[in-house]
Amino acid sequence: AIGNDFPINAAYQLFPEDIEQRVFDPDKAKFHYQKSGHSGPVLLRTSEDAFPGAVDAAQLFQQSCAKAGITIEVKREPSDGYWSEVWLKQPFSTGGWNGRSTQDQIYSTAYLSTAAWNDTHFFNENFDKLLIEARAEFDQDKRKNLYREMAIIVRDQG
């Protein structure tokens, strides 16, 4: 499967299959990086303890960013202490989110603004409102649409 900048895939019952697949656009990435005002290299801390293949994934990310003129410095951290000293403490680090049983669970654990493990520090009041609303919705079509709206918010702003 190809990722589409939100954490839900077709295995989930309420997957929004109509969201257009993103394509790699290094020029657009370069534009937004320059617009951010950041200059110089970006330090990405990683460890094999984050998830199997995390260091390799960081290096692939580094190569993709290089095509946009963005320099990523990959720093391999020791496994011992990664979760207590790096994750949620450093500005940019890797973490692995395995699938959860429901969309609510993954969104509540990693994207709700008040979630303890919101490692991207994502905060969107509308997203939070939609998540709470989706929990109370019994109509599957309406609920699927709410999750679709959340996926678009995460994809475009997360």
N, C-alpha and C. Protein backbone atom coordinates (compact mmCIF):
# COMPACT_ATOMS: atom_id res chain seq x y z
N ALA A 1 0.84 -1.19 0.00
CA ALA A 1 0.00 0.00 0.00
C ALA A 1 0.88 1.25 0.00
N ILE A 2 0.39 2.28 -0.61
CA ILE A 2 1.10 3.55 -0.66
C ILE A 2 0.44 4.50 0.33
N GLY A 3 1.24 5.13 1.18
CA GLY A 3 0.71 6.09 2.14
C GLY A 3 0.14 7.31 1.45
N ASN A 4 -0.76 7.99 2.14
CA ASN A 4 -1.39 9.18 1.56
C ASN A 4 -1.48 10.30 2.59
N ASP A 5 -0.50 10.36 3.48
CA ASP A 5 -0.39 11.44 4.47
C ASP A 5 -1.49 11.45 5.52
N PHE A 6 -2.15 10.32 5.73
CA PHE A 6 -3.01 10.14 6.89
C PHE A 6 -2.89 8.67 7.30
N PRO A 7 -3.12 8.35 8.59
CA PRO A 7 -2.73 7.04 9.11
C PRO A 7 -3.72 5.91 8.91
N ILE A 8 -4.73 6.11 8.11
CA ILE A 8 -5.77 5.10 7.93
C ILE A 8 -5.60 4.44 6.57
N ASN A 9 -5.69 3.12 6.53
CA ASN A 9 -5.56 2.41 5.26
C ASN A 9 -6.83 1.61 4.96
N ALA A 10 -6.84 0.95 3.84
CA ALA A 10 -8.04 0.26 3.37
C ALA A 10 -8.47 -0.90 4.26
N ALA A 11 -7.66 -1.32 5.21
CA ALA A 11 -8.07 -2.38 6.13
C ALA A 11 -9.14 -1.91 7.11
N TYR A 12 -9.25 -0.60 7.29
CA TYR A 12 -10.26 -0.06 8.20
C TYR A 12 -11.61 0.00 7.50
N GLN A 13 -12.64 -0.40 8.24
CA GLN A 13 -13.99 -0.48 7.69
C GLN A 13 -14.47 0.86 7.12
N LEU A 14 -14.12 1.95 7.75
CA LEU A 14 -14.62 3.26 7.33
C LEU A 14 -13.56 4.07 6.58
N PHE A 15 -12.69 3.38 5.88
CA PHE A 15 -11.62 4.01 5.10
C PHE A 15 -12.21 4.90 4.00
N PRO A 16 -11.71 6.14 3.88
CA PRO A 16 -12.21 7.05 2.84
C PRO A 16 -11.51 6.80 1.50
N GLU A 17 -12.04 5.87 0.72
CA GLU A 17 -11.38 5.45 -0.51
C GLU A 17 -11.37 6.50 -1.61
N ASP A 18 -12.13 7.58 -1.44
CA ASP A 18 -12.23 8.59 -2.51
C ASP A 18 -11.23 9.73 -2.37
N ILE A 19 -10.35 9.70 -1.38
CA ILE A 19 -9.36 10.76 -1.23
C ILE A 19 -8.25 10.53 -2.25
N GLU A 20 -8.01 11.54 -3.06
CA GLU A 20 -7.03 11.44 -4.15
C GLU A 20 -5.63 11.12 -3.61
N GLN A 21 -4.95 10.22 -4.30
CA GLN A 21 -3.59 9.84 -3.92
C GLN A 21 -2.61 10.98 -4.20
N ARG A 22 -1.81 11.31 -3.20
CA ARG A 22 -0.77 12.33 -3.38
C ARG A 22 0.36 11.78 -4.24
N VAL A 23 1.01 12.67 -4.96
CA VAL A 23 2.19 12.30 -5.73
C VAL A 23 3.38 13.08 -5.19
N PHE A 24 4.55 12.52 -5.34
CA PHE A 24 5.78 13.16 -4.87
C PHE A 24 6.04 14.40 -5.72
N ASP A 25 6.19 15.55 -5.06
CA ASP A 25 6.40 16.81 -5.76
C ASP A 25 7.53 17.57 -5.07
N PRO A 26 8.78 17.31 -5.45
CA PRO A 26 9.90 17.97 -4.78
C PRO A 26 9.89 19.49 -4.91
N ASP A 27 9.37 20.01 -6.01
CA ASP A 27 9.31 21.47 -6.17
C ASP A 27 8.36 22.09 -5.15
N LYS A 28 7.24 21.44 -4.91
CA LYS A 28 6.29 21.93 -3.92
C LYS A 28 6.89 21.84 -2.51
N ALA A 29 7.59 20.75 -2.24
CA ALA A 29 8.26 20.60 -0.94
C ALA A 29 9.29 21.70 -0.74
N LYS A 30 10.06 21.97 -1.78
CA LYS A 30 11.08 23.02 -1.71
C LYS A 30 10.43 24.38 -1.44
N PHE A 31 9.33 24.67 -2.13
CA PHE A 31 8.60 25.92 -1.94
C PHE A 31 8.17 26.08 -0.48
N HIS A 32 7.55 25.05 0.07
CA HIS A 32 7.05 25.14 1.45
C HIS A 32 8.20 25.20 2.46
N TYR A 33 9.27 24.50 2.19
CA TYR A 33 10.43 24.56 3.08
C TYR A 33 11.00 25.98 3.10
N GLN A 34 11.15 26.59 1.93
CA GLN A 34 11.66 27.96 1.87
C GLN A 34 10.68 28.93 2.52
N LYS A 35 9.38 28.70 2.31
CA LYS A 35 8.35 29.56 2.90
C LYS A 35 8.38 29.48 4.43
N SER A 36 8.80 28.35 4.97
CA SER A 36 8.84 28.17 6.43
C SER A 36 9.87 29.08 7.10
N GLY A 37 10.85 29.54 6.32
CA GLY A 37 11.89 30.38 6.88
C GLY A 37 13.05 29.60 7.48
N HIS A 38 12.91 28.30 7.54
CA HIS A 38 14.00 27.47 8.07
C HIS A 38 15.12 27.39 7.04
N SER A 39 16.33 27.43 7.52
CA SER A 39 17.47 27.25 6.62
C SER A 39 18.45 26.31 7.30
N GLY A 40 19.27 25.71 6.52
CA GLY A 40 20.23 24.78 7.07
C GLY A 40 19.65 23.38 7.20
N PRO A 41 20.47 22.47 7.69
CA PRO A 41 20.03 21.08 7.79
C PRO A 41 18.99 20.88 8.89
N VAL A 42 18.24 19.81 8.74
CA VAL A 42 17.23 19.40 9.72
C VAL A 42 17.74 18.12 10.36
N LEU A 43 17.77 18.08 11.68
CA LEU A 43 18.25 16.91 12.39
C LEU A 43 17.09 15.96 12.67
N LEU A 44 17.20 14.74 12.18
CA LEU A 44 16.21 13.69 12.42
C LEU A 44 16.85 12.62 13.27
N ARG A 45 16.32 12.44 14.47
CA ARG A 45 16.85 11.43 15.38
C ARG A 45 16.04 10.14 15.21
N THR A 46 16.74 9.04 15.16
CA THR A 46 16.06 7.76 14.95
C THR A 46 16.79 6.66 15.67
N SER A 47 16.17 5.52 15.74
CA SER A 47 16.74 4.35 16.39
C SER A 47 16.01 3.12 15.87
N GLU A 48 16.71 2.01 15.83
CA GLU A 48 16.04 0.76 15.46
C GLU A 48 14.97 0.40 16.48
N ASP A 49 15.05 0.99 17.65
CA ASP A 49 14.04 0.73 18.68
C ASP A 49 12.72 1.42 18.35
N ALA A 50 12.75 2.46 17.52
CA ALA A 50 11.51 3.17 17.16
C ALA A 50 10.56 2.23 16.43
N PHE A 51 11.07 1.50 15.47
CA PHE A 51 10.35 0.43 14.76
C PHE A 51 11.36 -0.28 13.87
N PRO A 52 11.15 -1.53 13.56
CA PRO A 52 12.10 -2.23 12.68
C PRO A 52 12.23 -1.52 11.34
N GLY A 53 13.44 -1.15 10.98
CA GLY A 53 13.66 -0.44 9.72
C GLY A 53 13.62 1.07 9.85
N ALA A 54 13.57 1.59 11.07
CA ALA A 54 13.46 3.04 11.26
C ALA A 54 14.66 3.79 10.70
N VAL A 55 15.85 3.25 10.88
CA VAL A 55 17.04 3.93 10.37
C VAL A 55 17.02 3.93 8.84
N ASP A 56 16.66 2.80 8.25
CA ASP A 56 16.54 2.74 6.78
C ASP A 56 15.47 3.71 6.28
N ALA A 57 14.34 3.78 6.99
CA ALA A 57 13.27 4.70 6.59
C ALA A 57 13.74 6.15 6.67
N ALA A 58 14.52 6.47 7.71
CA ALA A 58 15.05 7.83 7.85
C ALA A 58 15.99 8.16 6.69
N GLN A 59 16.78 7.19 6.27
CA GLN A 59 17.69 7.42 5.15
C GLN A 59 16.93 7.58 3.83
N LEU A 60 15.85 6.84 3.65
CA LEU A 60 15.01 7.02 2.46
C LEU A 60 14.36 8.40 2.46
N PHE A 61 13.90 8.83 3.64
CA PHE A 61 13.33 10.17 3.79
C PHE A 61 14.38 11.22 3.45
N GLN A 62 15.59 11.02 3.93
CA GLN A 62 16.71 11.92 3.65
C GLN A 62 16.93 12.05 2.14
N GLN A 63 16.90 10.94 1.43
CA GLN A 63 17.09 10.94 -0.02
C GLN A 63 15.96 11.68 -0.74
N SER A 64 14.73 11.47 -0.30
CA SER A 64 13.59 12.17 -0.90
C SER A 64 13.70 13.67 -0.68
N CYS A 65 14.07 14.07 0.53
CA CYS A 65 14.19 15.49 0.84
C CYS A 65 15.31 16.14 0.04
N ALA A 66 16.38 15.40 -0.19
CA ALA A 66 17.50 15.94 -0.97
C ALA A 66 17.05 16.35 -2.37
N LYS A 67 16.08 15.64 -2.93
CA LYS A 67 15.56 15.99 -4.25
C LYS A 67 14.84 17.34 -4.24
N ALA A 68 14.46 17.80 -3.05
CA ALA A 68 13.82 19.11 -2.90
C ALA A 68 14.81 20.14 -2.38
N GLY A 69 16.07 19.77 -2.27
CA GLY A 69 17.08 20.69 -1.77
C GLY A 69 17.07 20.84 -0.26
N ILE A 70 16.46 19.91 0.44
CA ILE A 70 16.38 19.94 1.90
C ILE A 70 17.37 18.94 2.45
N THR A 71 18.26 19.42 3.31
CA THR A 71 19.28 18.55 3.89
C THR A 71 18.77 17.98 5.21
N ILE A 72 18.72 16.67 5.29
CA ILE A 72 18.33 15.98 6.52
C ILE A 72 19.57 15.29 7.06
N GLU A 73 19.89 15.59 8.31
CA GLU A 73 20.97 14.88 9.00
C GLU A 73 20.33 13.79 9.85
N VAL A 74 20.63 12.55 9.55
CA VAL A 74 20.09 11.43 10.30
C VAL A 74 21.05 11.09 11.44
N LYS A 75 20.53 11.13 12.65
CA LYS A 75 21.35 10.77 13.82
C LYS A 75 20.77 9.51 14.43
N ARG A 76 21.54 8.46 14.38
CA ARG A 76 21.11 7.19 14.97
C ARG A 76 21.37 7.23 16.47
N GLU A 77 20.30 7.14 17.22
CA GLU A 77 20.38 7.17 18.68
C GLU A 77 20.43 5.74 19.21
N PRO A 78 21.04 5.54 20.38
CA PRO A 78 21.03 4.20 20.96
C PRO A 78 19.61 3.80 21.38
N SER A 79 19.34 2.51 21.31
CA SER A 79 18.02 2.02 21.70
C SER A 79 17.74 2.30 23.17
N ASP A 80 18.77 2.13 23.99
CA ASP A 80 18.63 2.37 25.41
C ASP A 80 18.34 3.85 25.65
N GLY A 81 17.19 4.16 26.14
CA GLY A 81 16.83 5.54 26.43
C GLY A 81 16.11 6.27 25.31
N TYR A 82 15.91 5.61 24.16
CA TYR A 82 15.28 6.32 23.04
C TYR A 82 13.90 6.84 23.42
N TRP A 83 13.10 5.99 24.04
CA TRP A 83 11.72 6.40 24.37
C TRP A 83 11.68 7.40 25.53
N SER A 84 12.66 7.39 26.40
CA SER A 84 12.64 8.31 27.53
C SER A 84 13.43 9.59 27.29
N GLU A 85 14.39 9.57 26.36
CA GLU A 85 15.25 10.73 26.14
C GLU A 85 15.06 11.43 24.79
N VAL A 86 14.49 10.74 23.82
CA VAL A 86 14.38 11.31 22.47
C VAL A 86 12.92 11.52 22.07
N TRP A 87 12.15 10.44 22.02
CA TRP A 87 10.76 10.52 21.57
C TRP A 87 9.95 11.43 22.49
N LEU A 88 9.21 12.33 21.93
CA LEU A 88 8.40 13.35 22.61
C LEU A 88 9.25 14.41 23.31
N LYS A 89 10.57 14.31 23.20
CA LYS A 89 11.44 15.30 23.83
C LYS A 89 12.25 16.10 22.81
N GLN A 90 12.59 15.49 21.69
CA GLN A 90 13.36 16.17 20.64
C GLN A 90 12.41 16.66 19.55
N PRO A 91 12.76 17.73 18.85
CA PRO A 91 11.85 18.31 17.86
C PRO A 91 11.47 17.39 16.70
N PHE A 92 12.37 16.49 16.29
CA PHE A 92 12.09 15.66 15.11
C PHE A 92 12.70 14.29 15.34
N SER A 93 11.84 13.31 15.50
CA SER A 93 12.32 11.95 15.73
C SER A 93 11.35 10.96 15.08
N THR A 94 11.80 9.73 14.94
CA THR A 94 10.93 8.71 14.36
C THR A 94 10.18 7.98 15.45
N GLY A 95 9.03 7.49 15.06
CA GLY A 95 8.22 6.66 15.94
C GLY A 95 7.36 5.78 15.06
N GLY A 96 7.01 4.63 15.54
CA GLY A 96 6.20 3.73 14.74
C GLY A 96 4.83 3.54 15.34
N TRP A 97 3.82 3.76 14.52
CA TRP A 97 2.45 3.53 14.96
C TRP A 97 1.90 2.32 14.23
N ASN A 98 1.84 1.21 14.93
CA ASN A 98 1.23 0.03 14.35
C ASN A 98 -0.27 0.26 14.27
N GLY A 99 -0.94 -0.53 13.49
CA GLY A 99 -2.38 -0.38 13.34
C GLY A 99 -3.11 -0.51 14.67
N ARG A 100 -4.19 0.16 14.78
CA ARG A 100 -5.08 0.04 15.93
C ARG A 100 -6.39 -0.56 15.42
N SER A 101 -7.21 -1.03 16.32
CA SER A 101 -8.41 -1.75 15.90
C SER A 101 -9.45 -0.87 15.24
N THR A 102 -9.47 0.41 15.57
CA THR A 102 -10.45 1.32 14.97
C THR A 102 -9.80 2.65 14.61
N GLN A 103 -10.46 3.38 13.74
CA GLN A 103 -9.98 4.72 13.41
C GLN A 103 -9.99 5.61 14.64
N ASP A 104 -11.03 5.47 15.46
CA ASP A 104 -11.10 6.28 16.68
C ASP A 104 -9.87 6.05 17.55
N GLN A 105 -9.44 4.82 17.65
CA GLN A 105 -8.30 4.52 18.53
C GLN A 105 -7.01 5.16 18.03
N ILE A 106 -6.72 5.08 16.75
CA ILE A 106 -5.48 5.69 16.25
C ILE A 106 -5.56 7.21 16.33
N TYR A 107 -6.70 7.77 15.97
CA TYR A 107 -6.84 9.23 16.04
C TYR A 107 -6.80 9.73 17.49
N SER A 108 -7.43 8.99 18.40
CA SER A 108 -7.46 9.40 19.81
C SER A 108 -6.10 9.27 20.48
N THR A 109 -5.32 8.29 20.06
CA THR A 109 -4.02 8.04 20.66
C THR A 109 -2.94 8.98 20.15
N ALA A 110 -3.00 9.30 18.85
CA ALA A 110 -1.87 10.01 18.24
C ALA A 110 -2.19 11.38 17.65
N TYR A 111 -3.46 11.75 17.53
CA TYR A 111 -3.79 13.01 16.84
C TYR A 111 -4.71 13.95 17.63
N LEU A 112 -5.43 13.45 18.59
CA LEU A 112 -6.25 14.31 19.43
C LEU A 112 -5.32 15.29 20.15
N SER A 113 -5.70 16.56 20.19
CA SER A 113 -4.77 17.58 20.72
C SER A 113 -4.35 17.31 22.16
N THR A 114 -5.20 16.64 22.94
CA THR A 114 -4.88 16.37 24.34
C THR A 114 -4.26 14.99 24.56
N ALA A 115 -4.00 14.24 23.50
CA ALA A 115 -3.44 12.89 23.64
C ALA A 115 -2.01 12.95 24.16
N ALA A 116 -1.71 12.11 25.13
CA ALA A 116 -0.37 12.09 25.72
C ALA A 116 0.71 11.69 24.71
N TRP A 117 0.35 10.89 23.71
CA TRP A 117 1.32 10.41 22.73
C TRP A 117 1.20 11.13 21.39
N ASN A 118 0.69 12.32 21.39
CA ASN A 118 0.58 13.12 20.16
C ASN A 118 1.98 13.63 19.81
N ASP A 119 2.78 12.76 19.19
CA ASP A 119 4.19 13.07 18.98
C ASP A 119 4.46 14.10 17.89
N THR A 120 3.46 14.46 17.11
CA THR A 120 3.63 15.52 16.12
C THR A 120 3.16 16.87 16.68
N HIS A 121 2.58 16.85 17.87
CA HIS A 121 2.03 18.05 18.51
C HIS A 121 0.96 18.69 17.63
N PHE A 122 0.24 17.84 16.90
CA PHE A 122 -0.85 18.29 16.04
C PHE A 122 -1.97 18.83 16.92
N PHE A 123 -2.47 20.02 16.57
CA PHE A 123 -3.58 20.62 17.31
C PHE A 123 -4.52 21.26 16.32
N ASN A 124 -5.74 20.75 16.30
CA ASN A 124 -6.76 21.29 15.41
C ASN A 124 -8.11 21.13 16.10
N GLU A 125 -8.70 22.24 16.49
CA GLU A 125 -9.96 22.19 17.24
C GLU A 125 -11.07 21.51 16.44
N ASN A 126 -11.13 21.77 15.14
CA ASN A 126 -12.16 21.13 14.32
C ASN A 126 -11.97 19.62 14.28
N PHE A 127 -10.73 19.17 14.15
CA PHE A 127 -10.44 17.73 14.17
C PHE A 127 -10.93 17.12 15.48
N ASP A 128 -10.59 17.75 16.61
CA ASP A 128 -11.02 17.24 17.91
C ASP A 128 -12.54 17.15 17.99
N LYS A 129 -13.22 18.17 17.50
CA LYS A 129 -14.69 18.20 17.52
C LYS A 129 -15.27 17.07 16.67
N LEU A 130 -14.71 16.87 15.48
CA LEU A 130 -15.18 15.81 14.59
C LEU A 130 -14.95 14.42 15.21
N LEU A 131 -13.83 14.25 15.88
CA LEU A 131 -13.52 12.97 16.51
C LEU A 131 -14.55 12.63 17.59
N ILE A 132 -14.86 13.59 18.43
CA ILE A 132 -15.86 13.38 19.48
C ILE A 132 -17.23 13.12 18.86
N GLU A 133 -17.56 13.85 17.82
CA GLU A 133 -18.83 13.67 17.12
C GLU A 133 -18.92 12.27 16.49
N ALA A 134 -17.83 11.80 15.90
CA ALA A 134 -17.83 10.48 15.25
C ALA A 134 -18.05 9.36 16.27
N ARG A 135 -17.55 9.53 17.47
CA ARG A 135 -17.74 8.51 18.51
C ARG A 135 -19.21 8.31 18.84
N ALA A 136 -19.99 9.37 18.75
CA ALA A 136 -21.40 9.31 19.12
C ALA A 136 -22.33 9.00 17.95
N GLU A 137 -21.78 8.94 16.75
CA GLU A 137 -22.62 8.75 15.55
C GLU A 137 -22.84 7.25 15.28
N PHE A 138 -24.11 6.85 15.22
CA PHE A 138 -24.45 5.45 14.94
C PHE A 138 -24.63 5.18 13.45
N ASP A 139 -25.00 6.18 12.69
CA ASP A 139 -25.19 6.01 11.25
C ASP A 139 -23.82 5.83 10.59
N GLN A 140 -23.57 4.66 10.01
CA GLN A 140 -22.25 4.35 9.45
C GLN A 140 -21.85 5.29 8.32
N ASP A 141 -22.79 5.68 7.47
CA ASP A 141 -22.45 6.60 6.38
C ASP A 141 -22.02 7.96 6.91
N LYS A 142 -22.76 8.47 7.89
CA LYS A 142 -22.40 9.76 8.49
C LYS A 142 -21.06 9.66 9.22
N ARG A 143 -20.88 8.54 9.91
CA ARG A 143 -19.63 8.34 10.64
C ARG A 143 -18.44 8.25 9.67
N LYS A 144 -18.63 7.54 8.58
CA LYS A 144 -17.57 7.43 7.58
C LYS A 144 -17.21 8.81 7.03
N ASN A 145 -18.21 9.65 6.81
CA ASN A 145 -17.95 11.00 6.31
C ASN A 145 -17.18 11.84 7.33
N LEU A 146 -17.49 11.67 8.61
CA LEU A 146 -16.75 12.38 9.65
C LEU A 146 -15.28 11.95 9.66
N TYR A 147 -15.05 10.64 9.55
CA TYR A 147 -13.68 10.15 9.49
C TYR A 147 -12.97 10.62 8.23
N ARG A 148 -13.70 10.75 7.15
CA ARG A 148 -13.14 11.28 5.91
C ARG A 148 -12.66 12.71 6.12
N GLU A 149 -13.51 13.53 6.76
CA GLU A 149 -13.12 14.92 7.05
C GLU A 149 -11.86 14.97 7.91
N MET A 150 -11.78 14.08 8.90
CA MET A 150 -10.59 14.04 9.76
C MET A 150 -9.35 13.65 8.97
N ALA A 151 -9.49 12.67 8.07
CA ALA A 151 -8.35 12.24 7.25
C ALA A 151 -7.84 13.40 6.40
N ILE A 152 -8.75 14.18 5.85
CA ILE A 152 -8.34 15.32 5.02
C ILE A 152 -7.63 16.38 5.87
N ILE A 153 -8.13 16.62 7.08
CA ILE A 153 -7.48 17.58 7.96
C ILE A 153 -6.05 17.12 8.28
N VAL A 154 -5.89 15.85 8.64
CA VAL A 154 -4.55 15.34 8.95
C VAL A 154 -3.66 15.40 7.72
N ARG A 155 -4.19 14.99 6.57
CA ARG A 155 -3.40 15.00 5.33
C ARG A 155 -2.95 16.41 4.97
N ASP A 156 -3.82 17.39 5.11
CA ASP A 156 -3.51 18.74 4.65
C ASP A 156 -2.84 19.62 5.71
N GLN A 157 -3.04 19.31 6.99
CA GLN A 157 -2.52 20.19 8.04
C GLN A 157 -1.64 19.48 9.06
N GLY A 158 -1.69 18.17 9.08
CA GLY A 158 -0.98 17.40 10.11
C GLY A 158 0.47 17.21 9.84
